[in-house]
Full PDB file with SEQRES, HELIX, SHEET, SSBOND, CRYST1, ORIGX, SCALE, CONECT and MASTER records, all heavy atoms in Angstrom:
SEQRES   1 A   40  LYS VAL ASN VAL LYS VAL TYR LEU LYS LYS ILE ARG GLU          
SEQRES   2 A   40  LYS PHE PHE LYS ASN PRO ASN LEU TRP TYR GLU VAL ILE          
SEQRES   3 A   40  ILE PRO ARG GLU ALA ALA GLU ARG LEU TYR ALA GLU CYS          
SEQRES   4 A   40  LYS                                                          
HELIX    1 AA1 VAL A    4  LYS A   17  1                                  14    
HELIX    2 AA2 LEU A   21  VAL A   25  1                                   5    
HELIX    3 AA3 ARG A   29  GLU A   38  1                                  10    
CRYST1    1.000    1.000    1.000  90.00  90.00  90.00 P 1           1          
ORIGX1      1.000000  0.000000  0.000000        0.00000                         
ORIGX2      0.000000  1.000000  0.000000        0.00000                         
ORIGX3      0.000000  0.000000  1.000000        0.00000                         
SCALE1      1.000000  0.000000  0.000000        0.00000                         
SCALE2      0.000000  1.000000  0.000000        0.00000                         
SCALE3      0.000000  0.000000  1.000000        0.00000                         
ATOM      1  N   LYS A   1      13.963 -87.978 159.345  1.00  0.00           N  
ATOM      2  CA  LYS A   1      14.874 -87.879 158.207  1.00  0.00           C  
ATOM      3  C   LYS A   1      14.823 -86.447 157.685  1.00  0.00           C  
ATOM      4  O   LYS A   1      13.741 -85.868 157.533  1.00  0.00           O  
ATOM      5  CB  LYS A   1      14.444 -88.860 157.123  1.00  0.00           C  
ATOM      6  CG  LYS A   1      15.328 -88.872 155.909  1.00  0.00           C  
ATOM      7  CD  LYS A   1      14.825 -89.929 154.935  1.00  0.00           C  
ATOM      8  CE  LYS A   1      15.622 -89.950 153.674  1.00  0.00           C  
ATOM      9  NZ  LYS A   1      15.114 -90.980 152.732  1.00  0.00           N  
ATOM     10  N   VAL A   2      15.998 -85.885 157.416  1.00  0.00           N  
ATOM     11  CA  VAL A   2      16.068 -84.501 156.978  1.00  0.00           C  
ATOM     12  C   VAL A   2      16.805 -84.425 155.647  1.00  0.00           C  
ATOM     13  O   VAL A   2      17.885 -84.996 155.486  1.00  0.00           O  
ATOM     14  CB  VAL A   2      16.807 -83.628 158.023  1.00  0.00           C  
ATOM     15  CG1 VAL A   2      16.911 -82.193 157.555  1.00  0.00           C  
ATOM     16  CG2 VAL A   2      16.103 -83.705 159.373  1.00  0.00           C  
ATOM     17  N   ASN A   3      16.212 -83.721 154.716  1.00  0.00           N  
ATOM     18  CA  ASN A   3      16.859 -83.449 153.441  1.00  0.00           C  
ATOM     19  C   ASN A   3      17.755 -82.231 153.643  1.00  0.00           C  
ATOM     20  O   ASN A   3      17.290 -81.167 154.057  1.00  0.00           O  
ATOM     21  CB  ASN A   3      15.801 -83.166 152.372  1.00  0.00           C  
ATOM     22  CG  ASN A   3      16.410 -82.811 151.040  1.00  0.00           C  
ATOM     23  OD1 ASN A   3      17.106 -81.814 150.901  1.00  0.00           O  
ATOM     24  ND2 ASN A   3      16.123 -83.636 150.057  1.00  0.00           N  
ATOM     25  N   VAL A   4      19.035 -82.386 153.370  1.00  0.00           N  
ATOM     26  CA  VAL A   4      19.996 -81.311 153.643  1.00  0.00           C  
ATOM     27  C   VAL A   4      19.680 -80.052 152.863  1.00  0.00           C  
ATOM     28  O   VAL A   4      19.752 -78.945 153.403  1.00  0.00           O  
ATOM     29  CB  VAL A   4      21.441 -81.787 153.375  1.00  0.00           C  
ATOM     30  CG1 VAL A   4      22.428 -80.640 153.509  1.00  0.00           C  
ATOM     31  CG2 VAL A   4      21.816 -82.901 154.325  1.00  0.00           C  
ATOM     32  N   LYS A   5      19.311 -80.174 151.602  1.00  0.00           N  
ATOM     33  CA  LYS A   5      19.021 -78.985 150.794  1.00  0.00           C  
ATOM     34  C   LYS A   5      17.867 -78.169 151.377  1.00  0.00           C  
ATOM     35  O   LYS A   5      17.924 -76.947 151.427  1.00  0.00           O  
ATOM     36  CB  LYS A   5      18.738 -79.389 149.349  1.00  0.00           C  
ATOM     37  CG  LYS A   5      19.975 -79.868 148.609  1.00  0.00           C  
ATOM     38  CD  LYS A   5      19.637 -80.324 147.213  1.00  0.00           C  
ATOM     39  CE  LYS A   5      20.807 -80.840 146.418  1.00  0.00           C  
ATOM     40  NZ  LYS A   5      21.786 -81.633 147.088  1.00  0.00           N  
ATOM     41  N   VAL A   6      16.833 -78.852 151.851  1.00  0.00           N  
ATOM     42  CA  VAL A   6      15.688 -78.174 152.468  1.00  0.00           C  
ATOM     43  C   VAL A   6      16.123 -77.517 153.780  1.00  0.00           C  
ATOM     44  O   VAL A   6      15.771 -76.366 154.067  1.00  0.00           O  
ATOM     45  CB  VAL A   6      14.527 -79.168 152.702  1.00  0.00           C  
ATOM     46  CG1 VAL A   6      13.413 -78.529 153.523  1.00  0.00           C  
ATOM     47  CG2 VAL A   6      14.004 -79.689 151.376  1.00  0.00           C  
ATOM     48  N   TYR A   7      16.914 -78.246 154.569  1.00  0.00           N  
ATOM     49  CA  TYR A   7      17.397 -77.716 155.845  1.00  0.00           C  
ATOM     50  C   TYR A   7      18.259 -76.465 155.629  1.00  0.00           C  
ATOM     51  O   TYR A   7      18.116 -75.469 156.340  1.00  0.00           O  
ATOM     52  CB  TYR A   7      18.181 -78.792 156.590  1.00  0.00           C  
ATOM     53  CG  TYR A   7      18.525 -78.409 158.001  1.00  0.00           C  
ATOM     54  CD1 TYR A   7      17.581 -78.509 159.014  1.00  0.00           C  
ATOM     55  CD2 TYR A   7      19.795 -77.939 158.326  1.00  0.00           C  
ATOM     56  CE1 TYR A   7      17.886 -78.149 160.317  1.00  0.00           C  
ATOM     57  CE2 TYR A   7      20.110 -77.583 159.621  1.00  0.00           C  
ATOM     58  CZ  TYR A   7      19.155 -77.691 160.609  1.00  0.00           C  
ATOM     59  OH  TYR A   7      19.465 -77.325 161.888  1.00  0.00           O  
ATOM     60  N   LEU A   8      19.149 -76.522 154.633  1.00  0.00           N  
ATOM     61  CA  LEU A   8      20.017 -75.373 154.358  1.00  0.00           C  
ATOM     62  C   LEU A   8      19.216 -74.158 153.904  1.00  0.00           C  
ATOM     63  O   LEU A   8      19.549 -73.029 154.252  1.00  0.00           O  
ATOM     64  CB  LEU A   8      21.072 -75.737 153.312  1.00  0.00           C  
ATOM     65  CG  LEU A   8      22.130 -76.726 153.782  1.00  0.00           C  
ATOM     66  CD1 LEU A   8      23.066 -77.083 152.634  1.00  0.00           C  
ATOM     67  CD2 LEU A   8      22.921 -76.180 154.959  1.00  0.00           C  
ATOM     68  N   LYS A   9      18.168 -74.390 153.153  1.00  0.00           N  
ATOM     69  CA  LYS A   9      17.306 -73.275 152.727  1.00  0.00           C  
ATOM     70  C   LYS A   9      16.684 -72.597 153.945  1.00  0.00           C  
ATOM     71  O   LYS A   9      16.648 -71.368 154.026  1.00  0.00           O  
ATOM     72  CB  LYS A   9      16.225 -73.780 151.777  1.00  0.00           C  
ATOM     73  CG  LYS A   9      15.351 -72.678 151.241  1.00  0.00           C  
ATOM     74  CD  LYS A   9      14.301 -73.200 150.294  1.00  0.00           C  
ATOM     75  CE  LYS A   9      13.461 -72.028 149.813  1.00  0.00           C  
ATOM     76  NZ  LYS A   9      12.219 -72.443 149.213  1.00  0.00           N  
ATOM     77  N   LYS A  10      16.213 -73.402 154.904  1.00  0.00           N  
ATOM     78  CA  LYS A  10      15.620 -72.837 156.124  1.00  0.00           C  
ATOM     79  C   LYS A  10      16.660 -72.042 156.915  1.00  0.00           C  
ATOM     80  O   LYS A  10      16.366 -70.961 157.433  1.00  0.00           O  
ATOM     81  CB  LYS A  10      15.037 -73.952 156.997  1.00  0.00           C  
ATOM     82  CG  LYS A  10      13.788 -74.559 156.435  1.00  0.00           C  
ATOM     83  CD  LYS A  10      13.277 -75.677 157.319  1.00  0.00           C  
ATOM     84  CE  LYS A  10      12.075 -76.356 156.698  1.00  0.00           C  
ATOM     85  NZ  LYS A  10      11.612 -77.497 157.480  1.00  0.00           N  
ATOM     86  N   ILE A  11      17.859 -72.588 157.022  1.00  0.00           N  
ATOM     87  CA  ILE A  11      18.930 -71.887 157.744  1.00  0.00           C  
ATOM     88  C   ILE A  11      19.278 -70.579 157.048  1.00  0.00           C  
ATOM     89  O   ILE A  11      19.448 -69.541 157.691  1.00  0.00           O  
ATOM     90  CB  ILE A  11      20.179 -72.784 157.865  1.00  0.00           C  
ATOM     91  CG1 ILE A  11      19.945 -73.829 158.937  1.00  0.00           C  
ATOM     92  CG2 ILE A  11      21.426 -71.969 158.178  1.00  0.00           C  
ATOM     93  CD1 ILE A  11      21.118 -74.731 159.176  1.00  0.00           C  
ATOM     94  N   ARG A  12      19.402 -70.624 155.736  1.00  0.00           N  
ATOM     95  CA  ARG A  12      19.729 -69.418 154.967  1.00  0.00           C  
ATOM     96  C   ARG A  12      18.713 -68.326 155.260  1.00  0.00           C  
ATOM     97  O   ARG A  12      19.071 -67.182 155.575  1.00  0.00           O  
ATOM     98  CB  ARG A  12      19.750 -69.758 153.473  1.00  0.00           C  
ATOM     99  CG  ARG A  12      20.147 -68.612 152.570  1.00  0.00           C  
ATOM    100  CD  ARG A  12      20.151 -69.010 151.085  1.00  0.00           C  
ATOM    101  NE  ARG A  12      20.954 -70.193 150.837  1.00  0.00           N  
ATOM    102  CZ  ARG A  12      20.470 -71.376 150.434  1.00  0.00           C  
ATOM    103  NH1 ARG A  12      19.173 -71.533 150.232  1.00  0.00           N  
ATOM    104  NH2 ARG A  12      21.272 -72.397 150.231  1.00  0.00           N  
ATOM    105  N   GLU A  13      17.430 -68.673 155.178  1.00  0.00           N  
ATOM    106  CA  GLU A  13      16.364 -67.693 155.420  1.00  0.00           C  
ATOM    107  C   GLU A  13      16.388 -67.190 156.859  1.00  0.00           C  
ATOM    108  O   GLU A  13      16.235 -65.995 157.108  1.00  0.00           O  
ATOM    109  CB  GLU A  13      15.006 -68.321 155.094  1.00  0.00           C  
ATOM    110  CG  GLU A  13      14.814 -68.588 153.622  1.00  0.00           C  
ATOM    111  CD  GLU A  13      13.591 -69.432 153.296  1.00  0.00           C  
ATOM    112  OE1 GLU A  13      12.861 -69.841 154.236  1.00  0.00           O  
ATOM    113  OE2 GLU A  13      13.365 -69.690 152.103  1.00  0.00           O  
ATOM    114  N   LYS A  14      16.576 -68.094 157.796  1.00  0.00           N  
ATOM    115  CA  LYS A  14      16.586 -67.736 159.221  1.00  0.00           C  
ATOM    116  C   LYS A  14      17.701 -66.729 159.527  1.00  0.00           C  
ATOM    117  O   LYS A  14      17.490 -65.731 160.223  1.00  0.00           O  
ATOM    118  CB  LYS A  14      16.761 -69.006 160.054  1.00  0.00           C  
ATOM    119  CG  LYS A  14      16.776 -68.808 161.529  1.00  0.00           C  
ATOM    120  CD  LYS A  14      16.924 -70.159 162.230  1.00  0.00           C  
ATOM    121  CE  LYS A  14      17.008 -70.027 163.721  1.00  0.00           C  
ATOM    122  NZ  LYS A  14      17.145 -71.327 164.385  1.00  0.00           N  
ATOM    123  N   PHE A  15      18.894 -66.970 158.993  1.00  0.00           N  
ATOM    124  CA  PHE A  15      20.020 -66.097 159.277  1.00  0.00           C  
ATOM    125  C   PHE A  15      19.963 -64.793 158.485  1.00  0.00           C  
ATOM    126  O   PHE A  15      20.472 -63.775 158.944  1.00  0.00           O  
ATOM    127  CB  PHE A  15      21.346 -66.834 159.049  1.00  0.00           C  
ATOM    128  CG  PHE A  15      21.747 -67.691 160.213  1.00  0.00           C  
ATOM    129  CD1 PHE A  15      21.116 -68.888 160.469  1.00  0.00           C  
ATOM    130  CD2 PHE A  15      22.754 -67.282 161.077  1.00  0.00           C  
ATOM    131  CE1 PHE A  15      21.467 -69.677 161.553  1.00  0.00           C  
ATOM    132  CE2 PHE A  15      23.111 -68.055 162.164  1.00  0.00           C  
ATOM    133  CZ  PHE A  15      22.467 -69.256 162.404  1.00  0.00           C  
ATOM    134  N   PHE A  16      19.355 -64.806 157.295  1.00  0.00           N  
ATOM    135  CA  PHE A  16      19.160 -63.554 156.561  1.00  0.00           C  
ATOM    136  C   PHE A  16      18.183 -62.651 157.308  1.00  0.00           C  
ATOM    137  O   PHE A  16      18.377 -61.436 157.378  1.00  0.00           O  
ATOM    138  CB  PHE A  16      18.646 -63.804 155.145  1.00  0.00           C  
ATOM    139  CG  PHE A  16      19.727 -64.008 154.118  1.00  0.00           C  
ATOM    140  CD1 PHE A  16      19.651 -65.066 153.237  1.00  0.00           C  
ATOM    141  CD2 PHE A  16      20.824 -63.154 154.015  1.00  0.00           C  
ATOM    142  CE1 PHE A  16      20.640 -65.268 152.280  1.00  0.00           C  
ATOM    143  CE2 PHE A  16      21.812 -63.343 153.074  1.00  0.00           C  
ATOM    144  CZ  PHE A  16      21.721 -64.408 152.202  1.00  0.00           C  
ATOM    145  N   LYS A  17      17.145 -63.255 157.882  1.00  0.00           N  
ATOM    146  CA  LYS A  17      16.137 -62.477 158.612  1.00  0.00           C  
ATOM    147  C   LYS A  17      16.676 -61.929 159.929  1.00  0.00           C  
ATOM    148  O   LYS A  17      16.237 -60.888 160.389  1.00  0.00           O  
ATOM    149  CB  LYS A  17      14.901 -63.322 158.885  1.00  0.00           C  
ATOM    150  CG  LYS A  17      14.062 -63.588 157.662  1.00  0.00           C  
ATOM    151  CD  LYS A  17      12.866 -64.456 157.988  1.00  0.00           C  
ATOM    152  CE  LYS A  17      12.081 -64.787 156.731  1.00  0.00           C  
ATOM    153  NZ  LYS A  17      10.991 -65.728 157.008  1.00  0.00           N  
ATOM    154  N   ASN A  18      17.615 -62.662 160.534  1.00  0.00           N  
ATOM    155  CA  ASN A  18      18.152 -62.250 161.833  1.00  0.00           C  
ATOM    156  C   ASN A  18      19.679 -62.391 161.846  1.00  0.00           C  
ATOM    157  O   ASN A  18      20.207 -63.374 162.366  1.00  0.00           O  
ATOM    158  CB  ASN A  18      17.527 -63.077 162.951  1.00  0.00           C  
ATOM    159  CG  ASN A  18      17.914 -62.573 164.321  1.00  0.00           C  
ATOM    160  OD1 ASN A  18      18.694 -61.641 164.456  1.00  0.00           O  
ATOM    161  ND2 ASN A  18      17.382 -63.211 165.341  1.00  0.00           N  
ATOM    162  N   PRO A  19      20.406 -61.409 161.299  1.00  0.00           N  
ATOM    163  CA  PRO A  19      21.863 -61.481 161.231  1.00  0.00           C  
ATOM    164  C   PRO A  19      22.554 -61.589 162.596  1.00  0.00           C  
ATOM    165  O   PRO A  19      23.680 -62.063 162.690  1.00  0.00           O  
ATOM    166  CB  PRO A  19      22.266 -60.182 160.533  1.00  0.00           C  
ATOM    167  CG  PRO A  19      21.042 -59.719 159.829  1.00  0.00           C  
ATOM    168  CD  PRO A  19      19.888 -60.222 160.629  1.00  0.00           C  
ATOM    169  N   ASN A  20      21.867 -61.208 163.656  1.00  0.00           N  
ATOM    170  CA  ASN A  20      22.476 -61.320 164.988  1.00  0.00           C  
ATOM    171  C   ASN A  20      22.721 -62.778 165.394  1.00  0.00           C  
ATOM    172  O   ASN A  20      23.511 -63.041 166.299  1.00  0.00           O  
ATOM    173  CB  ASN A  20      21.608 -60.629 166.041  1.00  0.00           C  
ATOM    174  CG  ASN A  20      21.698 -59.129 165.925  1.00  0.00           C  
ATOM    175  OD1 ASN A  20      22.719 -58.580 165.543  1.00  0.00           O  
ATOM    176  ND2 ASN A  20      20.610 -58.461 166.237  1.00  0.00           N  
ATOM    177  N   LEU A  21      22.058 -63.712 164.728  1.00  0.00           N  
ATOM    178  CA  LEU A  21      22.281 -65.132 165.016  1.00  0.00           C  
ATOM    179  C   LEU A  21      23.736 -65.531 164.768  1.00  0.00           C  
ATOM    180  O   LEU A  21      24.253 -66.436 165.414  1.00  0.00           O  
ATOM    181  CB  LEU A  21      21.351 -66.004 164.170  1.00  0.00           C  
ATOM    182  CG  LEU A  21      19.877 -65.963 164.532  1.00  0.00           C  
ATOM    183  CD1 LEU A  21      19.057 -66.749 163.511  1.00  0.00           C  
ATOM    184  CD2 LEU A  21      19.661 -66.513 165.927  1.00  0.00           C  
ATOM    185  N   TRP A  22      24.388 -64.856 163.830  1.00  0.00           N  
ATOM    186  CA  TRP A  22      25.808 -65.142 163.555  1.00  0.00           C  
ATOM    187  C   TRP A  22      26.628 -65.034 164.827  1.00  0.00           C  
ATOM    188  O   TRP A  22      27.520 -65.835 165.072  1.00  0.00           O  
ATOM    189  CB  TRP A  22      26.356 -64.175 162.500  1.00  0.00           C  
ATOM    190  CG  TRP A  22      25.957 -64.498 161.104  1.00  0.00           C  
ATOM    191  CD1 TRP A  22      24.742 -64.249 160.530  1.00  0.00           C  
ATOM    192  CD2 TRP A  22      26.736 -65.143 160.122  1.00  0.00           C  
ATOM    193  NE1 TRP A  22      24.740 -64.695 159.239  1.00  0.00           N  
ATOM    194  CE2 TRP A  22      25.952 -65.233 158.955  1.00  0.00           C  
ATOM    195  CE3 TRP A  22      28.044 -65.624 160.088  1.00  0.00           C  
ATOM    196  CZ2 TRP A  22      26.429 -65.812 157.779  1.00  0.00           C  
ATOM    197  CZ3 TRP A  22      28.512 -66.194 158.919  1.00  0.00           C  
ATOM    198  CH2 TRP A  22      27.714 -66.288 157.787  1.00  0.00           C  
ATOM    199  N   TYR A  23      26.331 -64.028 165.643  1.00  0.00           N  
ATOM    200  CA  TYR A  23      27.112 -63.775 166.854  1.00  0.00           C  
ATOM    201  C   TYR A  23      26.750 -64.736 167.981  1.00  0.00           C  
ATOM    202  O   TYR A  23      27.492 -64.858 168.950  1.00  0.00           O  
ATOM    203  CB  TYR A  23      26.940 -62.321 167.298  1.00  0.00           C  
ATOM    204  CG  TYR A  23      27.263 -61.361 166.171  1.00  0.00           C  
ATOM    205  CD1 TYR A  23      26.275 -60.613 165.553  1.00  0.00           C  
ATOM    206  CD2 TYR A  23      28.573 -61.240 165.694  1.00  0.00           C  
ATOM    207  CE1 TYR A  23      26.571 -59.754 164.501  1.00  0.00           C  
ATOM    208  CE2 TYR A  23      28.877 -60.395 164.639  1.00  0.00           C  
ATOM    209  CZ  TYR A  23      27.874 -59.657 164.048  1.00  0.00           C  
ATOM    210  OH  TYR A  23      28.177 -58.833 163.012  1.00  0.00           O  
ATOM    211  N   GLU A  24      25.629 -65.419 167.843  1.00  0.00           N  
ATOM    212  CA  GLU A  24      25.249 -66.421 168.835  1.00  0.00           C  
ATOM    213  C   GLU A  24      25.906 -67.770 168.571  1.00  0.00           C  
ATOM    214  O   GLU A  24      26.146 -68.535 169.492  1.00  0.00           O  
ATOM    215  CB  GLU A  24      23.724 -66.594 168.857  1.00  0.00           C  
ATOM    216  CG  GLU A  24      22.992 -65.369 169.357  1.00  0.00           C  
ATOM    217  CD  GLU A  24      21.483 -65.538 169.327  1.00  0.00           C  
ATOM    218  OE1 GLU A  24      21.011 -66.690 169.297  1.00  0.00           O  
ATOM    219  OE2 GLU A  24      20.778 -64.513 169.327  1.00  0.00           O  
ATOM    220  N   VAL A  25      26.185 -68.065 167.305  1.00  0.00           N  
ATOM    221  CA  VAL A  25      26.736 -69.380 166.957  1.00  0.00           C  
ATOM    222  C   VAL A  25      28.225 -69.360 166.637  1.00  0.00           C  
ATOM    223  O   VAL A  25      28.850 -70.410 166.584  1.00  0.00           O  
ATOM    224  CB  VAL A  25      25.956 -70.043 165.797  1.00  0.00           C  
ATOM    225  CG1 VAL A  25      24.512 -70.301 166.190  1.00  0.00           C  
ATOM    226  CG2 VAL A  25      26.036 -69.214 164.537  1.00  0.00           C  
ATOM    227  N   ILE A  26      28.772 -68.173 166.422  1.00  0.00           N  
ATOM    228  CA  ILE A  26      30.207 -68.057 166.107  1.00  0.00           C  
ATOM    229  C   ILE A  26      30.848 -67.069 167.067  1.00  0.00           C  
ATOM    230  O   ILE A  26      30.415 -65.937 167.200  1.00  0.00           O  
ATOM    231  CB  ILE A  26      30.437 -67.572 164.663  1.00  0.00           C  
ATOM    232  CG1 ILE A  26      29.800 -68.539 163.672  1.00  0.00           C  
ATOM    233  CG2 ILE A  26      31.932 -67.411 164.383  1.00  0.00           C  
ATOM    234  CD1 ILE A  26      29.801 -68.072 162.243  1.00  0.00           C  
ATOM    235  N   ILE A  27      31.892 -67.530 167.743  1.00  0.00           N  
ATOM    236  CA  ILE A  27      32.646 -66.670 168.635  1.00  0.00           C  
ATOM    237  C   ILE A  27      34.118 -66.813 168.269  1.00  0.00           C  
ATOM    238  O   ILE A  27      34.518 -67.893 167.869  1.00  0.00           O  
ATOM    239  CB  ILE A  27      32.488 -67.065 170.118  1.00  0.00           C  
ATOM    240  CG1 ILE A  27      31.403 -68.064 170.380  1.00  0.00           C  
ATOM    241  CG2 ILE A  27      32.307 -65.900 170.991  1.00  0.00           C  
ATOM    242  CD1 ILE A  27      31.205 -68.402 171.835  1.00  0.00           C  
ATOM    243  N   PRO A  28      34.909 -65.811 168.357  1.00  0.00           N  
ATOM    244  CA  PRO A  28      34.597 -64.453 168.811  1.00  0.00           C  
ATOM    245  C   PRO A  28      33.864 -63.640 167.738  1.00  0.00           C  
ATOM    246  O   PRO A  28      33.750 -64.061 166.595  1.00  0.00           O  
ATOM    247  CB  PRO A  28      35.977 -63.851 169.096  1.00  0.00           C  
ATOM    248  CG  PRO A  28      36.898 -64.565 168.167  1.00  0.00           C  
ATOM    249  CD  PRO A  28      36.330 -65.961 168.028  1.00  0.00           C  
ATOM    250  N   ARG A  29      33.411 -62.502 168.153  1.00  0.00           N  
ATOM    251  CA  ARG A  29      32.634 -61.616 167.269  1.00  0.00           C  
ATOM    252  C   ARG A  29      33.388 -61.298 165.977  1.00  0.00           C  
ATOM    253  O   ARG A  29      32.799 -61.248 164.899  1.00  0.00           O  
ATOM    254  CB  ARG A  29      32.278 -60.339 168.024  1.00  0.00           C  
ATOM    255  CG  ARG A  29      31.376 -59.418 167.246  1.00  0.00           C  
ATOM    256  CD  ARG A  29      30.957 -58.195 168.074  1.00  0.00           C  
ATOM    257  NE  ARG A  29      30.015 -57.375 167.352  1.00  0.00           N  
ATOM    258  CZ  ARG A  29      28.710 -57.567 167.333  1.00  0.00           C  
ATOM    259  NH1 ARG A  29      28.183 -58.563 168.016  1.00  0.00           N  
ATOM    260  NH2 ARG A  29      27.914 -56.787 166.645  1.00  0.00           N  
ATOM    261  N   GLU A  30      34.683 -61.124 166.070  1.00  0.00           N  
ATOM    262  CA  GLU A  30      35.492 -60.799 164.895  1.00  0.00           C  
ATOM    263  C   GLU A  30      35.423 -61.919 163.858  1.00  0.00           C  
ATOM    264  O   GLU A  30      35.381 -61.673 162.653  1.00  0.00           O  
ATOM    265  CB  GLU A  30      36.957 -60.540 165.284  1.00  0.00           C  
ATOM    266  CG  GLU A  30      37.161 -59.332 166.169  1.00  0.00           C  
ATOM    267  CD  GLU A  30      36.821 -59.580 167.639  1.00  0.00           C  
ATOM    268  OE1 GLU A  30      36.785 -60.756 168.088  1.00  0.00           O  
ATOM    269  OE2 GLU A  30      36.560 -58.592 168.349  1.00  0.00           O  
ATOM    270  N   ALA A  31      35.417 -63.158 164.322  1.00  0.00           N  
ATOM    271  CA  ALA A  31      35.315 -64.298 163.410  1.00  0.00           C  
ATOM    272  C   ALA A  31      33.937 -64.316 162.736  1.00  0.00           C  
ATOM    273  O   ALA A  31      33.832 -64.575 161.531  1.00  0.00           O  
ATOM    274  CB  ALA A  31      35.550 -65.602 164.156  1.00  0.00           C  
ATOM    275  N   ALA A  32      32.907 -64.025 163.498  1.00  0.00           N  
ATOM    276  CA  ALA A  32      31.557 -63.977 162.936  1.00  0.00           C  
ATOM    277  C   ALA A  32      31.463 -62.888 161.867  1.00  0.00           C  
ATOM    278  O   ALA A  32      30.900 -63.117 160.785  1.00  0.00           O  
ATOM    279  CB  ALA A  32      30.534 -63.731 164.032  1.00  0.00           C  
ATOM    280  N   GLU A  33      32.045 -61.743 162.135  1.00  0.00           N  
ATOM    281  CA  GLU A  33      32.013 -60.645 161.168  1.00  0.00           C  
ATOM    282  C   GLU A  33      32.775 -61.001 159.894  1.00  0.00           C  
ATOM    283  O   GLU A  33      32.321 -60.709 158.784  1.00  0.00           O  
ATOM    284  CB  GLU A  33      32.577 -59.373 161.805  1.00  0.00           C  
ATOM    285  CG  GLU A  33      31.657 -58.802 162.858  1.00  0.00           C  
ATOM    286  CD  GLU A  33      32.270 -57.679 163.676  1.00  0.00           C  
ATOM    287  OE1 GLU A  33      33.499 -57.461 163.600  1.00  0.00           O  
ATOM    288  OE2 GLU A  33      31.502 -57.032 164.419  1.00  0.00           O  
ATOM    289  N   ARG A  34      33.926 -61.649 160.051  1.00  0.00           N  
ATOM    290  CA  ARG A  34      34.734 -62.042 158.893  1.00  0.00           C  
ATOM    291  C   ARG A  34      33.976 -63.067 158.044  1.00  0.00           C  
ATOM    292  O   ARG A  34      33.874 -62.922 156.824  1.00  0.00           O  
ATOM    293  CB  ARG A  34      36.072 -62.625 159.347  1.00  0.00           C  
ATOM    294  CG  ARG A  34      36.967 -63.098 158.208  1.00  0.00           C  
ATOM    295  CD  ARG A  34      38.301 -63.653 158.696  1.00  0.00           C  
ATOM    296  NE  ARG A  34      38.181 -64.682 159.712  1.00  0.00           N  
ATOM    297  CZ  ARG A  34      37.869 -65.965 159.465  1.00  0.00           C  
ATOM    298  NH1 ARG A  34      37.625 -66.368 158.251  1.00  0.00           N  
ATOM    299  NH2 ARG A  34      37.808 -66.839 160.458  1.00  0.00           N  
ATOM    300  N   LEU A  35      33.424 -64.084 158.696  1.00  0.00           N  
ATOM    301  CA  LEU A  35      32.685 -65.110 157.965  1.00  0.00           C  
ATOM    302  C   LEU A  35      31.414 -64.560 157.318  1.00  0.00           C  
ATOM    303  O   LEU A  35      31.056 -64.935 156.204  1.00  0.00           O  
ATOM    304  CB  LEU A  35      32.347 -66.282 158.889  1.00  0.00           C  
ATOM    305  CG  LEU A  35      33.539 -67.134 159.290  1.00  0.00           C  
ATOM    306  CD1 LEU A  35      33.160 -68.072 160.431  1.00  0.00           C  
ATOM    307  CD2 LEU A  35      34.052 -67.926 158.098  1.00  0.00           C  
ATOM    308  N   TYR A  36      30.754 -63.654 158.019  1.00  0.00           N  
ATOM    309  CA  TYR A  36      29.557 -63.018 157.473  1.00  0.00           C  
ATOM    310  C   TYR A  36      29.895 -62.306 156.163  1.00  0.00           C  
ATOM    311  O   TYR A  36      29.190 -62.439 155.160  1.00  0.00           O  
ATOM    312  CB  TYR A  36      28.975 -62.033 158.484  1.00  0.00           C  
ATOM    313  CG  TYR A  36      27.712 -61.359 158.024  1.00  0.00           C  
ATOM    314  CD1 TYR A  36      26.478 -61.968 158.213  1.00  0.00           C  
ATOM    315  CD2 TYR A  36      27.741 -60.121 157.399  1.00  0.00           C  
ATOM    316  CE1 TYR A  36      25.302 -61.367 157.784  1.00  0.00           C  
ATOM    317  CE2 TYR A  36      26.579 -59.515 156.964  1.00  0.00           C  
ATOM    318  CZ  TYR A  36      25.366 -60.127 157.159  1.00  0.00           C  
ATOM    319  OH  TYR A  36      24.212 -59.531 156.718  1.00  0.00           O  
ATOM    320  N   ALA A  37      30.996 -61.575 156.166  1.00  0.00           N  
ATOM    321  CA  ALA A  37      31.417 -60.853 154.962  1.00  0.00           C  
ATOM    322  C   ALA A  37      31.807 -61.829 153.850  1.00  0.00           C  
ATOM    323  O   ALA A  37      31.416 -61.647 152.691  1.00  0.00           O  
ATOM    324  CB  ALA A  37      32.582 -59.923 155.300  1.00  0.00           C  
ATOM    325  N   GLU A  38      32.574 -62.859 154.196  1.00  0.00           N  
ATOM    326  CA  GLU A  38      33.013 -63.838 153.196  1.00  0.00           C  
ATOM    327  C   GLU A  38      31.834 -64.563 152.549  1.00  0.00           C  
ATOM    328  O   GLU A  38      31.867 -64.870 151.359  1.00  0.00           O  
ATOM    329  CB  GLU A  38      33.949 -64.866 153.824  1.00  0.00           C  
ATOM    330  CG  GLU A  38      35.324 -64.332 154.145  1.00  0.00           C  
ATOM    331  CD  GLU A  38      36.196 -65.349 154.875  1.00  0.00           C  
ATOM    332  OE1 GLU A  38      35.829 -66.549 154.936  1.00  0.00           O  
ATOM    333  OE2 GLU A  38      37.253 -64.946 155.391  1.00  0.00           O  
ATOM    334  N   CYS A  39      30.824 -64.851 153.324  1.00  0.00           N  
ATOM    335  CA  CYS A  39      29.659 -65.609 152.837  1.00  0.00           C  
ATOM    336  C   CYS A  39      28.529 -64.705 152.364  1.00  0.00           C  
ATOM    337  O   CYS A  39      27.461 -65.212 151.991  1.00  0.00           O  
ATOM    338  CB  CYS A  39      29.139 -66.522 153.941  1.00  0.00           C  
ATOM    339  SG  CYS A  39      30.300 -67.771 154.441  1.00  0.00           S  
ATOM    340  N   LYS A  40      28.745 -63.403 152.437  1.00  0.00           N  
ATOM    341  CA  LYS A  40      27.719 -62.433 152.059  1.00  0.00           C  
ATOM    342  C   LYS A  40      26.410 -62.695 152.813  1.00  0.00           C  
ATOM    343  O   LYS A  40      25.318 -62.617 152.259  1.00  0.00           O  
ATOM    344  CB  LYS A  40      27.502 -62.440 150.559  1.00  0.00           C  
ATOM    345  CG  LYS A  40      28.735 -62.018 149.772  1.00  0.00           C  
ATOM    346  CD  LYS A  40      28.458 -62.042 148.289  1.00  0.00           C  
ATOM    347  CE  LYS A  40      29.609 -61.474 147.522  1.00  0.00           C  
ATOM    348  NZ  LYS A  40      30.693 -62.331 147.228  1.00  0.00           N  
TER     349      LYS A  40                                                      
MASTER        0    0    0    3    0    0    0    6  348    1    0    4          
END                                                                             
């Protein structure tokens, strides 16, 4: 069983520490860059 709030906190930290993960999970690169900017 997973608590979503706890899971989202882990994801937030993981992606802040390694911004290159955006390009691994979102394609094309332009979309990842746009979403990265929109979500800060």
